[in-house]
């Protein structure tokens, strides 16, 4: 997911930190599954995003619903980064879904 990748590249988080951060989803575009439902202006945001941020989005015209923290509906991401200089891998498994990180 772009949000997890941004957390790693922009904010310097390790993979586990990145996949555990609160997420949001826009429903302004048709879904990829039939019947391709969409809800213009709808955002769903996990708990953990500040109330001030949610209120500002509403002030700007978005219809915002809250998800509970680590909601299954926010998707599931696993990530692996390779540190070539040290020859190690770092992984992160999303607690929203089944998954784990293991050493080989």
C-alpha atoms as a PDB file:
ATOM      1  CA  UNK A   1       0.000   0.000   0.000  1.00  0.00           C
ATOM      2  CA  UNK A   2       1.122   3.497  -0.787  1.00  0.00           C
ATOM      3  CA  UNK A   3       0.581   4.609   2.794  1.00  0.00           C
ATOM      4  CA  UNK A   4       2.984   1.999   4.204  1.00  0.00           C
ATOM      5  CA  UNK A   5       5.563   2.743   1.502  1.00  0.00           C
ATOM      6  CA  UNK A   6       5.312   6.465   2.253  1.00  0.00           C
ATOM      7  CA  UNK A   7       5.804   5.761   5.954  1.00  0.00           C
ATOM      8  CA  UNK A   8       9.062   3.963   5.132  1.00  0.00           C
ATOM      9  CA  UNK A   9      10.450   6.280   2.452  1.00  0.00           C
ATOM     10  CA  UNK A  10       9.261   9.662   3.710  1.00  0.00           C
ATOM     11  CA  UNK A  11       9.098   9.198   7.470  1.00  0.00           C
ATOM     12  CA  UNK A  12      11.947   6.703   7.960  1.00  0.00           C
ATOM     13  CA  UNK A  13       9.881   4.036   9.722  1.00  0.00           C
ATOM     14  CA  UNK A  14      10.937   0.426   9.800  1.00  0.00           C
ATOM     15  CA  UNK A  15       8.549  -1.983   8.035  1.00  0.00           C
ATOM     16  CA  UNK A  16       6.720  -3.028  11.209  1.00  0.00           C
ATOM     17  CA  UNK A  17       6.131   0.570  12.315  1.00  0.00           C
ATOM     18  CA  UNK A  18       5.012   1.481   8.809  1.00  0.00           C
ATOM     19  CA  UNK A  19       2.338  -1.208   8.459  1.00  0.00           C
ATOM     20  CA  UNK A  20       0.907  -0.534  11.941  1.00  0.00           C
ATOM     21  CA  UNK A  21       0.206   3.165  11.342  1.00  0.00           C
ATOM     22  CA  UNK A  22      -3.443   4.280  11.076  1.00  0.00           C
ATOM     23  CA  UNK A  23      -4.848   4.187   7.538  1.00  0.00           C
ATOM     24  CA  UNK A  24      -7.463   5.917   5.478  1.00  0.00           C
ATOM     25  CA  UNK A  25      -9.361   4.970   2.353  1.00  0.00           C
ATOM     26  CA  UNK A  26     -11.225   7.032  -0.221  1.00  0.00           C
ATOM     27  CA  UNK A  27     -14.407   5.673  -1.755  1.00  0.00           C
ATOM     28  CA  UNK A  28     -14.664   8.424  -4.382  1.00  0.00           C
ATOM     29  CA  UNK A  29     -13.675   6.040  -7.176  1.00  0.00           C
ATOM     30  CA  UNK A  30     -15.441   2.865  -8.329  1.00  0.00           C
ATOM     31  CA  UNK A  31     -14.305  -0.282  -6.547  1.00  0.00           C
ATOM     32  CA  UNK A  32     -12.506  -2.929  -8.551  1.00  0.00           C
ATOM     33  CA  UNK A  33     -15.156  -5.551  -7.794  1.00  0.00           C
ATOM     34  CA  UNK A  34     -18.636  -5.829  -9.230  1.00  0.00           C
ATOM     35  CA  UNK A  35     -20.911  -3.885  -8.954  1.00  0.00           C
ATOM     36  CA  UNK A  36     -18.143  -1.242  -8.848  1.00  0.00           C
ATOM     37  CA  UNK A  37     -19.808   0.785  -6.108  1.00  0.00           C
ATOM     38  CA  UNK A  38     -18.448   4.200  -5.223  1.00  0.00           C
ATOM     39  CA  UNK A  39     -19.313   6.921  -2.741  1.00  0.00           C
ATOM     40  CA  UNK A  40     -18.057  10.350  -3.862  1.00  0.00           C
ATOM     41  CA  UNK A  41     -16.523  12.319  -0.999  1.00  0.00           C
ATOM     42  CA  UNK A  42     -16.498   9.343   1.408  1.00  0.00           C
ATOM     43  CA  UNK A  43     -13.391   8.751   3.530  1.00  0.00           C
ATOM     44  CA  UNK A  44     -12.918   6.057   6.116  1.00  0.00           C
ATOM     45  CA  UNK A  45     -10.177   6.670   8.657  1.00  0.00           C
ATOM     46  CA  UNK A  46      -8.813   4.432  11.391  1.00  0.00           C
ATOM     47  CA  UNK A  47      -8.802   5.450  15.030  1.00  0.00           C
ATOM     48  CA  UNK A  48      -5.390   6.874  15.786  1.00  0.00           C
ATOM     49  CA  UNK A  49      -5.766   9.729  13.323  1.00  0.00           C
ATOM     50  CA  UNK A  50      -6.463  12.823  15.405  1.00  0.00           C
ATOM     51  CA  UNK A  51      -9.981  14.155  15.880  1.00  0.00           C
ATOM     52  CA  UNK A  52      -8.666  17.536  14.701  1.00  0.00           C
ATOM     53  CA  UNK A  53      -7.623  16.031  11.367  1.00  0.00           C
ATOM     54  CA  UNK A  54     -10.995  14.323  10.935  1.00  0.00           C
ATOM     55  CA  UNK A  55     -12.856  17.545  11.744  1.00  0.00           C
ATOM     56  CA  UNK A  56     -10.737  19.504   9.254  1.00  0.00           C
ATOM     57  CA  UNK A  57     -11.532  16.969   6.536  1.00  0.00           C
ATOM     58  CA  UNK A  58     -15.232  17.284   7.342  1.00  0.00           C
ATOM     59  CA  UNK A  59     -14.934  21.080   7.243  1.00  0.00           C
ATOM     60  CA  UNK A  60     -13.475  20.710   3.746  1.00  0.00           C
ATOM     61  CA  UNK A  61     -16.534  18.767   2.626  1.00  0.00           C
ATOM     62  CA  UNK A  62     -15.554  15.129   3.114  1.00  0.00           C
ATOM     63  CA  UNK A  63     -18.000  12.608   4.531  1.00  0.00           C
ATOM     64  CA  UNK A  64     -15.789  10.863   7.107  1.00  0.00           C
ATOM     65  CA  UNK A  65     -16.490   7.591   8.903  1.00  0.00           C
ATOM     66  CA  UNK A  66     -14.178   6.163  11.567  1.00  0.00           C
ATOM     67  CA  UNK A  67     -12.842   2.619  11.627  1.00  0.00           C
ATOM     68  CA  UNK A  68     -11.624   1.071  14.874  1.00  0.00           C
ATOM     69  CA  UNK A  69      -7.862   0.826  15.373  1.00  0.00           C
ATOM     70  CA  UNK A  70      -6.225  -1.891  13.249  1.00  0.00           C
ATOM     71  CA  UNK A  71      -9.433  -2.522  11.311  1.00  0.00           C
ATOM     72  CA  UNK A  72      -9.521  -5.508   8.970  1.00  0.00           C
ATOM     73  CA  UNK A  73     -11.269  -3.201   6.458  1.00  0.00           C
ATOM     74  CA  UNK A  74      -8.115  -1.073   6.130  1.00  0.00           C
ATOM     75  CA  UNK A  75      -6.357  -3.837   4.216  1.00  0.00           C
ATOM     76  CA  UNK A  76      -3.335  -5.949   4.986  1.00  0.00           C
ATOM     77  CA  UNK A  77       0.297  -5.270   4.134  1.00  0.00           C
ATOM     78  CA  UNK A  78       3.498  -7.221   4.567  1.00  0.00           C
ATOM     79  CA  UNK A  79       6.797  -5.535   3.788  1.00  0.00           C
ATOM     80  CA  UNK A  80      10.455  -6.510   3.521  1.00  0.00           C
ATOM     81  CA  UNK A  81      13.423  -4.163   3.203  1.00  0.00           C
ATOM     82  CA  UNK A  82      16.973  -5.224   2.405  1.00  0.00           C
ATOM     83  CA  UNK A  83      19.925  -3.398   3.919  1.00  0.00           C
ATOM     84  CA  UNK A  84      22.588  -4.199   1.308  1.00  0.00           C
ATOM     85  CA  UNK A  85      25.425  -2.676   3.337  1.00  0.00           C
ATOM     86  CA  UNK A  86      24.793  -4.916   6.351  1.00  0.00           C
ATOM     87  CA  UNK A  87      23.360  -7.850   4.417  1.00  0.00           C
ATOM     88  CA  UNK A  88      20.197  -8.061   6.493  1.00  0.00           C
ATOM     89  CA  UNK A  89      16.476  -7.982   5.809  1.00  0.00           C
ATOM     90  CA  UNK A  90      13.839  -6.190   7.890  1.00  0.00           C
ATOM     91  CA  UNK A  91      10.208  -7.220   7.745  1.00  0.00           C
ATOM     92  CA  UNK A  92       6.816  -6.143   8.929  1.00  0.00           C
ATOM     93  CA  UNK A  93       3.566  -8.104   9.132  1.00  0.00           C
ATOM     94  CA  UNK A  94       0.237  -6.334   9.446  1.00  0.00           C
ATOM     95  CA  UNK A  95      -1.686  -7.212  12.620  1.00  0.00           C
ATOM     96  CA  UNK A  96      -4.929  -6.469  10.706  1.00  0.00           C
ATOM     97  CA  UNK A  97      -4.628  -9.820   8.904  1.00  0.00           C
ATOM     98  CA  UNK A  98      -2.921 -13.157   9.321  1.00  0.00           C
ATOM     99  CA  UNK A  99       0.775 -12.991   8.598  1.00  0.00           C
ATOM    100  CA  UNK A 100       4.180 -13.046  10.194  1.00  0.00           C
ATOM    101  CA  UNK A 101       7.825 -12.252   9.637  1.00  0.00           C
ATOM    102  CA  UNK A 102      10.327 -15.064   9.980  1.00  0.00           C
ATOM    103  CA  UNK A 103      14.076 -15.436   9.717  1.00  0.00           C
ATOM    104  CA  UNK A 104      15.543 -17.823   7.193  1.00  0.00           C
END
